Every structure is written in C-alpha cells, then in structure tokens.
Amino acid sequence: MAKAANVRLNVGDPIEHIRKPGGKIPDARPAMLLDYNAGRRSEVDAIDGAIPRLGKSLGVPTPVNETVVGIIRARERRMLA
C-alpha cells in the first residue's frame, strides 16, 4: 500500500520495529483487545478499516484487511447486540 501511495517507509526490520518497544511493556495488550474485553466498540474502522478504503482509491486489492475488519465488525455487532 505504501508503495502504491508513494509513501517511503524507513523502519528497517518491521518485526523488530514492533517487538522492540512492545517488549518494554510485557503486560501490554492491544487497544482493540482492551475495548473488546470491556464491551466497547473498537477503533477498527479508523485503523485497519483505513487500509481497504485506501486500497480501493488506489486500485490495490486488500483481501486480508477486508476479512479481518469484517470479522471484527461481526464480533462487535454480536457483542453489542
């Protein structure tokens, strides 16, 4: 997506980029998991939902993100019903 949008990423190893700061907070949990556990709607549309929207505007298919967002939305609908 970054390439299609002409965005230059300079993070080196992306896995290390995430693990290094995350390793400093051993009991941390993702915000979306905390929202789900608390019975709140998450920010999935603002974060993961942005990928399919951008992909559509750039003509880039995003089937994995679309699936993940769809699953999260469905779980939230059931949880909040």
N, C-alpha and C. Protein backbone atom coordinates (compact mmCIF):
# COMPACT_ATOMS: atom_id res chain seq x y z
N MET A 1 0.83 -1.17 0.00
CA MET A 1 0.00 0.00 0.00
C MET A 1 0.88 1.25 0.00
N ALA A 2 1.92 1.22 0.82
CA ALA A 2 2.81 2.38 0.89
C ALA A 2 3.42 2.66 -0.49
N LYS A 3 3.82 1.61 -1.17
CA LYS A 3 4.42 1.78 -2.50
C LYS A 3 3.41 2.40 -3.47
N ALA A 4 2.18 1.90 -3.45
CA ALA A 4 1.15 2.42 -4.34
C ALA A 4 0.82 3.87 -4.03
N ALA A 5 0.96 4.26 -2.75
CA ALA A 5 0.65 5.64 -2.34
C ALA A 5 1.89 6.53 -2.37
N ASN A 6 3.01 6.00 -2.86
CA ASN A 6 4.28 6.74 -2.90
C ASN A 6 4.71 7.23 -1.52
N VAL A 7 4.55 6.34 -0.53
CA VAL A 7 4.98 6.65 0.83
C VAL A 7 6.23 5.83 1.11
N ARG A 8 7.28 6.49 1.53
CA ARG A 8 8.54 5.81 1.82
C ARG A 8 8.55 5.39 3.28
N LEU A 9 8.77 4.10 3.51
CA LEU A 9 8.86 3.58 4.87
C LEU A 9 10.32 3.29 5.18
N ASN A 10 10.76 3.75 6.32
CA ASN A 10 12.15 3.51 6.71
C ASN A 10 12.16 3.01 8.15
N VAL A 11 11.74 1.76 8.32
CA VAL A 11 11.68 1.19 9.67
C VAL A 11 12.64 0.02 9.83
N GLY A 12 13.40 -0.31 8.80
CA GLY A 12 14.28 -1.47 8.89
C GLY A 12 13.45 -2.74 8.91
N ASP A 13 13.76 -3.61 9.85
CA ASP A 13 13.02 -4.86 10.00
C ASP A 13 11.68 -4.55 10.67
N PRO A 14 10.55 -4.75 9.97
CA PRO A 14 9.26 -4.37 10.54
C PRO A 14 8.89 -5.16 11.79
N ILE A 15 9.31 -6.42 11.87
CA ILE A 15 9.01 -7.22 13.06
C ILE A 15 9.76 -6.65 14.27
N GLU A 16 11.02 -6.36 14.09
CA GLU A 16 11.81 -5.77 15.18
C GLU A 16 11.27 -4.39 15.56
N HIS A 17 10.79 -3.67 14.58
CA HIS A 17 10.23 -2.34 14.81
C HIS A 17 9.05 -2.40 15.79
N ILE A 18 8.28 -3.47 15.73
CA ILE A 18 7.15 -3.65 16.63
C ILE A 18 7.58 -4.30 17.95
N ARG A 19 8.42 -5.30 17.86
CA ARG A 19 8.80 -6.04 19.08
C ARG A 19 9.64 -5.23 20.05
N LYS A 20 10.50 -4.38 19.55
CA LYS A 20 11.40 -3.65 20.43
C LYS A 20 10.64 -2.79 21.44
N PRO A 21 9.76 -1.87 21.00
CA PRO A 21 9.04 -1.09 22.01
C PRO A 21 8.03 -1.94 22.78
N GLY A 22 7.42 -2.91 22.11
CA GLY A 22 6.43 -3.76 22.77
C GLY A 22 7.04 -4.61 23.87
N GLY A 23 8.30 -4.99 23.70
CA GLY A 23 8.98 -5.80 24.70
C GLY A 23 9.26 -5.05 25.99
N LYS A 24 9.19 -3.74 25.93
CA LYS A 24 9.44 -2.93 27.13
C LYS A 24 8.20 -2.87 28.02
N ILE A 25 7.07 -3.34 27.52
CA ILE A 25 5.82 -3.33 28.28
C ILE A 25 5.26 -4.75 28.25
N PRO A 26 5.79 -5.64 29.08
CA PRO A 26 5.46 -7.07 28.96
C PRO A 26 3.99 -7.42 29.15
N ASP A 27 3.24 -6.67 29.93
CA ASP A 27 1.84 -7.00 30.16
C ASP A 27 0.89 -6.16 29.30
N ALA A 28 1.42 -5.45 28.32
CA ALA A 28 0.60 -4.59 27.47
C ALA A 28 -0.34 -5.45 26.62
N ARG A 29 -1.48 -4.88 26.31
CA ARG A 29 -2.46 -5.53 25.45
C ARG A 29 -2.88 -4.53 24.38
N PRO A 30 -3.18 -5.02 23.17
CA PRO A 30 -3.63 -4.11 22.11
C PRO A 30 -4.91 -3.38 22.52
N ALA A 31 -5.03 -2.14 22.10
CA ALA A 31 -6.19 -1.33 22.45
C ALA A 31 -7.50 -1.97 22.00
N MET A 32 -7.50 -2.60 20.83
CA MET A 32 -8.73 -3.22 20.35
C MET A 32 -9.13 -4.40 21.24
N LEU A 33 -8.16 -5.14 21.77
CA LEU A 33 -8.49 -6.23 22.69
C LEU A 33 -9.05 -5.67 23.99
N LEU A 34 -8.46 -4.60 24.49
CA LEU A 34 -8.98 -3.97 25.71
C LEU A 34 -10.41 -3.48 25.50
N ASP A 35 -10.68 -2.88 24.33
CA ASP A 35 -12.04 -2.43 24.03
C ASP A 35 -13.00 -3.62 24.01
N TYR A 36 -12.61 -4.68 23.34
CA TYR A 36 -13.46 -5.86 23.23
C TYR A 36 -13.75 -6.44 24.61
N ASN A 37 -12.71 -6.60 25.42
CA ASN A 37 -12.88 -7.16 26.76
C ASN A 37 -13.77 -6.28 27.64
N ALA A 38 -13.77 -4.98 27.37
CA ALA A 38 -14.59 -4.04 28.15
C ALA A 38 -15.99 -3.87 27.55
N GLY A 39 -16.27 -4.56 26.44
CA GLY A 39 -17.59 -4.45 25.82
C GLY A 39 -17.80 -3.16 25.04
N ARG A 40 -16.71 -2.56 24.59
CA ARG A 40 -16.79 -1.31 23.83
C ARG A 40 -16.51 -1.56 22.35
N ARG A 41 -17.05 -0.69 21.52
CA ARG A 41 -16.72 -0.71 20.09
C ARG A 41 -15.26 -0.27 19.95
N SER A 42 -14.54 -0.91 19.06
CA SER A 42 -13.12 -0.60 18.87
C SER A 42 -12.91 0.46 17.80
N GLU A 43 -11.67 0.81 17.59
CA GLU A 43 -11.32 1.78 16.56
C GLU A 43 -10.92 1.09 15.25
N VAL A 44 -11.46 -0.11 15.02
CA VAL A 44 -11.08 -0.88 13.84
C VAL A 44 -11.30 -0.11 12.54
N ASP A 45 -12.37 0.65 12.45
CA ASP A 45 -12.63 1.39 11.20
C ASP A 45 -11.58 2.46 10.95
N ALA A 46 -11.09 3.07 12.02
CA ALA A 46 -10.09 4.13 11.87
C ALA A 46 -8.71 3.57 11.58
N ILE A 47 -8.42 2.37 12.06
CA ILE A 47 -7.07 1.82 11.89
C ILE A 47 -7.07 0.82 10.73
N ASP A 48 -7.53 -0.39 10.98
CA ASP A 48 -7.50 -1.43 9.95
C ASP A 48 -8.46 -1.14 8.80
N GLY A 49 -9.56 -0.46 9.09
CA GLY A 49 -10.51 -0.13 8.04
C GLY A 49 -9.99 0.88 7.04
N ALA A 50 -8.96 1.62 7.44
CA ALA A 50 -8.38 2.60 6.52
C ALA A 50 -7.65 1.92 5.36
N ILE A 51 -7.13 0.74 5.59
CA ILE A 51 -6.36 0.04 4.53
C ILE A 51 -7.26 -0.29 3.34
N PRO A 52 -8.40 -0.95 3.53
CA PRO A 52 -9.26 -1.21 2.36
C PRO A 52 -9.76 0.06 1.69
N ARG A 53 -10.06 1.09 2.47
CA ARG A 53 -10.52 2.34 1.85
C ARG A 53 -9.42 2.93 0.97
N LEU A 54 -8.20 2.96 1.48
CA LEU A 54 -7.09 3.50 0.69
C LEU A 54 -6.81 2.60 -0.51
N GLY A 55 -6.84 1.29 -0.28
CA GLY A 55 -6.61 0.34 -1.37
C GLY A 55 -7.60 0.54 -2.50
N LYS A 56 -8.86 0.74 -2.14
CA LYS A 56 -9.89 0.95 -3.16
C LYS A 56 -9.60 2.19 -3.98
N SER A 57 -9.19 3.27 -3.30
CA SER A 57 -8.91 4.52 -4.01
C SER A 57 -7.68 4.41 -4.90
N LEU A 58 -6.76 3.49 -4.56
CA LEU A 58 -5.53 3.32 -5.35
C LEU A 58 -5.59 2.13 -6.29
N GLY A 59 -6.70 1.39 -6.26
CA GLY A 59 -6.82 0.22 -7.12
C GLY A 59 -5.99 -0.96 -6.63
N VAL A 60 -5.75 -1.04 -5.32
CA VAL A 60 -4.95 -2.13 -4.75
C VAL A 60 -5.89 -3.04 -3.95
N PRO A 61 -5.96 -4.32 -4.30
CA PRO A 61 -6.81 -5.22 -3.53
C PRO A 61 -6.25 -5.43 -2.11
N THR A 62 -7.14 -5.53 -1.15
CA THR A 62 -6.73 -5.71 0.25
C THR A 62 -7.59 -6.80 0.91
N PRO A 63 -7.59 -8.01 0.36
CA PRO A 63 -8.50 -9.04 0.87
C PRO A 63 -8.26 -9.44 2.32
N VAL A 64 -7.03 -9.44 2.76
CA VAL A 64 -6.76 -9.83 4.15
C VAL A 64 -7.32 -8.79 5.10
N ASN A 65 -7.03 -7.52 4.86
CA ASN A 65 -7.55 -6.47 5.73
C ASN A 65 -9.07 -6.42 5.70
N GLU A 66 -9.66 -6.59 4.52
CA GLU A 66 -11.12 -6.59 4.43
C GLU A 66 -11.70 -7.72 5.27
N THR A 67 -11.08 -8.89 5.23
CA THR A 67 -11.56 -10.04 6.00
C THR A 67 -11.41 -9.79 7.50
N VAL A 68 -10.26 -9.30 7.92
CA VAL A 68 -10.03 -9.02 9.34
C VAL A 68 -11.03 -8.00 9.86
N VAL A 69 -11.22 -6.91 9.12
CA VAL A 69 -12.16 -5.88 9.53
C VAL A 69 -13.57 -6.45 9.59
N GLY A 70 -13.93 -7.25 8.62
CA GLY A 70 -15.26 -7.86 8.61
C GLY A 70 -15.50 -8.76 9.81
N ILE A 71 -14.50 -9.55 10.18
CA ILE A 71 -14.61 -10.43 11.34
C ILE A 71 -14.76 -9.61 12.62
N ILE A 72 -13.96 -8.58 12.76
CA ILE A 72 -14.03 -7.74 13.96
C ILE A 72 -15.38 -7.05 14.05
N ARG A 73 -15.86 -6.51 12.95
CA ARG A 73 -17.17 -5.84 12.95
C ARG A 73 -18.28 -6.82 13.33
N ALA A 74 -18.22 -8.04 12.79
CA ALA A 74 -19.25 -9.04 13.10
C ALA A 74 -19.22 -9.40 14.59
N ARG A 75 -18.04 -9.57 15.15
CA ARG A 75 -17.94 -9.88 16.58
C ARG A 75 -18.45 -8.72 17.42
N GLU A 76 -18.14 -7.50 17.01
CA GLU A 76 -18.62 -6.34 17.76
C GLU A 76 -20.15 -6.25 17.69
N ARG A 77 -20.72 -6.52 16.52
CA ARG A 77 -22.18 -6.48 16.39
C ARG A 77 -22.83 -7.46 17.37
N ARG A 78 -22.28 -8.68 17.42
CA ARG A 78 -22.82 -9.69 18.35
C ARG A 78 -22.63 -9.26 19.80
N MET A 79 -21.46 -8.72 20.10
CA MET A 79 -21.15 -8.31 21.47
C MET A 79 -22.05 -7.16 21.92
N LEU A 80 -22.31 -6.20 21.02
CA LEU A 80 -23.04 -5.01 21.40
C LEU A 80 -24.56 -5.15 21.22
N ALA A 81 -24.99 -6.30 20.71
CA ALA A 81 -26.44 -6.52 20.48
C ALA A 81 -27.19 -6.72 21.79
